[in-house]
Every structure is written in structure tokens, then in C-alpha cells.
Amino acid sequence: MEDYSTIDQRLKKIEDLLLTQKPVLTFDEVASYTGLSKSYLYKLTSRNDIPFYRPNGKQLYFNRQEIDAWLQRNRVKTNFEIDLEASTKATLQKTKRL
């Protein structure tokens, strides 16, 4: 007898991989793709905090590349980047004083 939970898990992985290939996503697909809850996604769209399209006035569509860019906004610098920036500014200030 086959283990259906394993088959279901494999099918879910395949569906997720196919989802990353689509250029235009539906509301449900974006919720699955981003891991955001549908209620939070509704809130984001009602406040126009996430890019979306409404071609027929009702159903929402999303451009996957725009969603990727939206997810990657507000990048947090690493400690190394902060230290490097601080040392560069300190070096420039020393050069200006001389």
C-alpha cells in the first residue's frame, strides 16, 4: 500500500515549483507564494500597500516579479556592512581634516 501523505507532500512541492514559474498570480496563489494569510493580504490590498491589478473590477491579480521586489524591500544591512560603512565614513572624515 502506498503512503498517500508522501504522495501529497510531493504533489504540493511540484505545485509550489510550478507556481514560481507563473508571471501572473491570483489572490490565493499570492497567499500561498508569500506565506501571508489571506486576511492580511486583503488588508494590504485595501490599503494599497502591495502592488496588484484589478482588470475587471473584482478579481485581483499580481505580477510575480513585483511581488518578489515588494518582498525584498527594506533590506536590513549586515553587521559587516554597517562596520564597513562606518569605517569608510571615518576614513573620509580624517581625509577632510587633513
C-alpha atoms as a PDB file:
ATOM      1  CA  MET A   1       0.000   0.000   0.000  1.00  0.00           C
ATOM      2  CA  GLU A   2       1.310   3.465  -0.915  1.00  0.00           C
ATOM      3  CA  ASP A   3       1.873   6.198   1.613  1.00  0.00           C
ATOM      4  CA  TYR A   4      -0.579   8.884   0.446  1.00  0.00           C
ATOM      5  CA  SER A   5       0.820  11.539   2.770  1.00  0.00           C
ATOM      6  CA  THR A   6       4.178  11.273   0.983  1.00  0.00           C
ATOM      7  CA  ILE A   7       2.479  11.492  -2.405  1.00  0.00           C
ATOM      8  CA  ASP A   8       0.501  14.529  -1.239  1.00  0.00           C
ATOM      9  CA  GLN A   9       3.701  16.177   0.025  1.00  0.00           C
ATOM     10  CA  ARG A  10       5.478  15.538  -3.273  1.00  0.00           C
ATOM     11  CA  LEU A  11       2.495  16.872  -5.225  1.00  0.00           C
ATOM     12  CA  LYS A  12       2.457  20.016  -3.075  1.00  0.00           C
ATOM     13  CA  LYS A  13       6.183  20.568  -3.759  1.00  0.00           C
ATOM     14  CA  ILE A  14       5.592  20.209  -7.501  1.00  0.00           C
ATOM     15  CA  GLU A  15       2.682  22.661  -7.363  1.00  0.00           C
ATOM     16  CA  ASP A  16       4.834  25.151  -5.445  1.00  0.00           C
ATOM     17  CA  LEU A  17       7.598  24.863  -8.048  1.00  0.00           C
ATOM     18  CA  LEU A  18       5.125  25.440 -10.867  1.00  0.00           C
ATOM     19  CA  LEU A  19       3.753  28.454  -9.034  1.00  0.00           C
ATOM     20  CA  THR A  20       7.161  30.139  -9.108  1.00  0.00           C
ATOM     21  CA  GLN A  21       7.137  29.927 -12.925  1.00  0.00           C
ATOM     22  CA  LYS A  22       3.866  31.805 -13.477  1.00  0.00           C
ATOM     23  CA  PRO A  23       4.245  35.528 -14.285  1.00  0.00           C
ATOM     24  CA  VAL A  24       0.728  36.446 -13.081  1.00  0.00           C
ATOM     25  CA  LEU A  25      -0.694  35.120  -9.819  1.00  0.00           C
ATOM     26  CA  THR A  26      -4.184  35.060  -8.363  1.00  0.00           C
ATOM     27  CA  PHE A  27      -5.015  36.148  -4.824  1.00  0.00           C
ATOM     28  CA  ASP A  28      -4.891  32.592  -3.460  1.00  0.00           C
ATOM     29  CA  GLU A  29      -1.625  31.892  -5.278  1.00  0.00           C
ATOM     30  CA  VAL A  30      -0.002  35.014  -3.803  1.00  0.00           C
ATOM     31  CA  ALA A  31      -1.111  33.999  -0.322  1.00  0.00           C
ATOM     32  CA  SER A  32       0.483  30.589  -0.853  1.00  0.00           C
ATOM     33  CA  TYR A  33       3.573  32.008  -2.602  1.00  0.00           C
ATOM     34  CA  THR A  34       4.335  34.582   0.094  1.00  0.00           C
ATOM     35  CA  GLY A  35       3.104  32.654   3.112  1.00  0.00           C
ATOM     36  CA  LEU A  36       0.897  35.604   4.098  1.00  0.00           C
ATOM     37  CA  SER A  37      -2.544  34.913   5.487  1.00  0.00           C
ATOM     38  CA  LYS A  38      -5.463  35.804   3.225  1.00  0.00           C
ATOM     39  CA  SER A  39      -6.836  38.257   5.791  1.00  0.00           C
ATOM     40  CA  TYR A  40      -3.511  40.104   5.955  1.00  0.00           C
ATOM     41  CA  LEU A  41      -3.262  40.088   2.166  1.00  0.00           C
ATOM     42  CA  TYR A  42      -6.780  41.609   1.989  1.00  0.00           C
ATOM     43  CA  LYS A  43      -5.627  44.308   4.390  1.00  0.00           C
ATOM     44  CA  LEU A  44      -2.539  45.051   2.276  1.00  0.00           C
ATOM     45  CA  THR A  45      -4.584  45.355  -0.911  1.00  0.00           C
ATOM     46  CA  SER A  46      -7.274  47.523   0.684  1.00  0.00           C
ATOM     47  CA  ARG A  47      -4.570  49.941   1.908  1.00  0.00           C
ATOM     48  CA  ASN A  48      -2.749  49.757  -1.457  1.00  0.00           C
ATOM     49  CA  ASP A  49       0.393  48.622   0.372  1.00  0.00           C
ATOM     50  CA  ILE A  50       1.115  45.837  -2.131  1.00  0.00           C
ATOM     51  CA  PRO A  51       1.140  46.119  -5.945  1.00  0.00           C
ATOM     52  CA  PHE A  52      -1.851  44.446  -7.607  1.00  0.00           C
ATOM     53  CA  TYR A  53      -4.106  44.646 -10.654  1.00  0.00           C
ATOM     54  CA  ARG A  54      -7.890  44.583 -10.906  1.00  0.00           C
ATOM     55  CA  PRO A  55      -8.666  44.361 -14.649  1.00  0.00           C
ATOM     56  CA  ASN A  56     -12.381  43.572 -14.336  1.00  0.00           C
ATOM     57  CA  GLY A  57     -13.040  45.460 -11.132  1.00  0.00           C
ATOM     58  CA  LYS A  58     -13.381  42.408  -8.900  1.00  0.00           C
ATOM     59  CA  GLN A  59     -10.740  39.686  -9.059  1.00  0.00           C
ATOM     60  CA  LEU A  60      -7.208  40.647  -8.035  1.00  0.00           C
ATOM     61  CA  TYR A  61      -4.081  39.671  -9.922  1.00  0.00           C
ATOM     62  CA  PHE A  62      -0.439  40.127  -9.015  1.00  0.00           C
ATOM     63  CA  ASN A  63       2.754  40.314 -11.060  1.00  0.00           C
ATOM     64  CA  ARG A  64       5.143  37.772  -9.555  1.00  0.00           C
ATOM     65  CA  GLN A  65       8.217  39.940 -10.203  1.00  0.00           C
ATOM     66  CA  GLU A  66       6.553  42.899  -8.469  1.00  0.00           C
ATOM     67  CA  ILE A  67       5.667  40.682  -5.509  1.00  0.00           C
ATOM     68  CA  ASP A  68       9.285  39.473  -5.345  1.00  0.00           C
ATOM     69  CA  ALA A  69      10.502  43.102  -5.361  1.00  0.00           C
ATOM     70  CA  TRP A  70       7.909  44.025  -2.717  1.00  0.00           C
ATOM     71  CA  LEU A  71       9.062  41.148  -0.506  1.00  0.00           C
ATOM     72  CA  GLN A  72      12.677  42.254  -0.835  1.00  0.00           C
ATOM     73  CA  ARG A  73      12.171  45.911   0.079  1.00  0.00           C
ATOM     74  CA  ASN A  74      13.597  47.414   3.270  1.00  0.00           C
ATOM     75  CA  ARG A  75      16.678  45.241   3.311  1.00  0.00           C
ATOM     76  CA  VAL A  76      18.453  45.140   6.652  1.00  0.00           C
ATOM     77  CA  LYS A  77      22.220  45.631   6.470  1.00  0.00           C
ATOM     78  CA  THR A  78      24.502  43.006   7.935  1.00  0.00           C
ATOM     79  CA  ASN A  79      26.832  43.907  10.796  1.00  0.00           C
ATOM     80  CA  PHE A  80      29.753  43.641   8.371  1.00  0.00           C
ATOM     81  CA  GLU A  81      28.140  46.182   6.008  1.00  0.00           C
ATOM     82  CA  ILE A  82      27.458  48.571   8.893  1.00  0.00           C
ATOM     83  CA  ASP A  83      31.056  48.282  10.137  1.00  0.00           C
ATOM     84  CA  LEU A  84      32.404  48.800   6.630  1.00  0.00           C
ATOM     85  CA  GLU A  85      30.229  51.881   6.123  1.00  0.00           C
ATOM     86  CA  ALA A  86      31.294  53.324   9.488  1.00  0.00           C
ATOM     87  CA  SER A  87      34.989  52.785   8.789  1.00  0.00           C
ATOM     88  CA  THR A  88      34.625  54.344   5.322  1.00  0.00           C
ATOM     89  CA  LYS A  89      32.935  57.434   6.792  1.00  0.00           C
ATOM     90  CA  ALA A  90      35.608  57.696   9.493  1.00  0.00           C
ATOM     91  CA  THR A  91      38.362  57.475   6.885  1.00  0.00           C
ATOM     92  CA  LEU A  92      36.712  60.147   4.739  1.00  0.00           C
ATOM     93  CA  GLN A  93      36.338  62.485   7.728  1.00  0.00           C
ATOM     94  CA  LYS A  94      40.022  62.082   8.570  1.00  0.00           C
ATOM     95  CA  THR A  95      40.945  62.872   4.976  1.00  0.00           C
ATOM     96  CA  LYS A  96      38.820  66.056   5.012  1.00  0.00           C
ATOM     97  CA  ARG A  97      40.533  67.303   8.194  1.00  0.00           C
ATOM     98  CA  LEU A  98      43.985  66.917   6.671  1.00  0.00           C
END
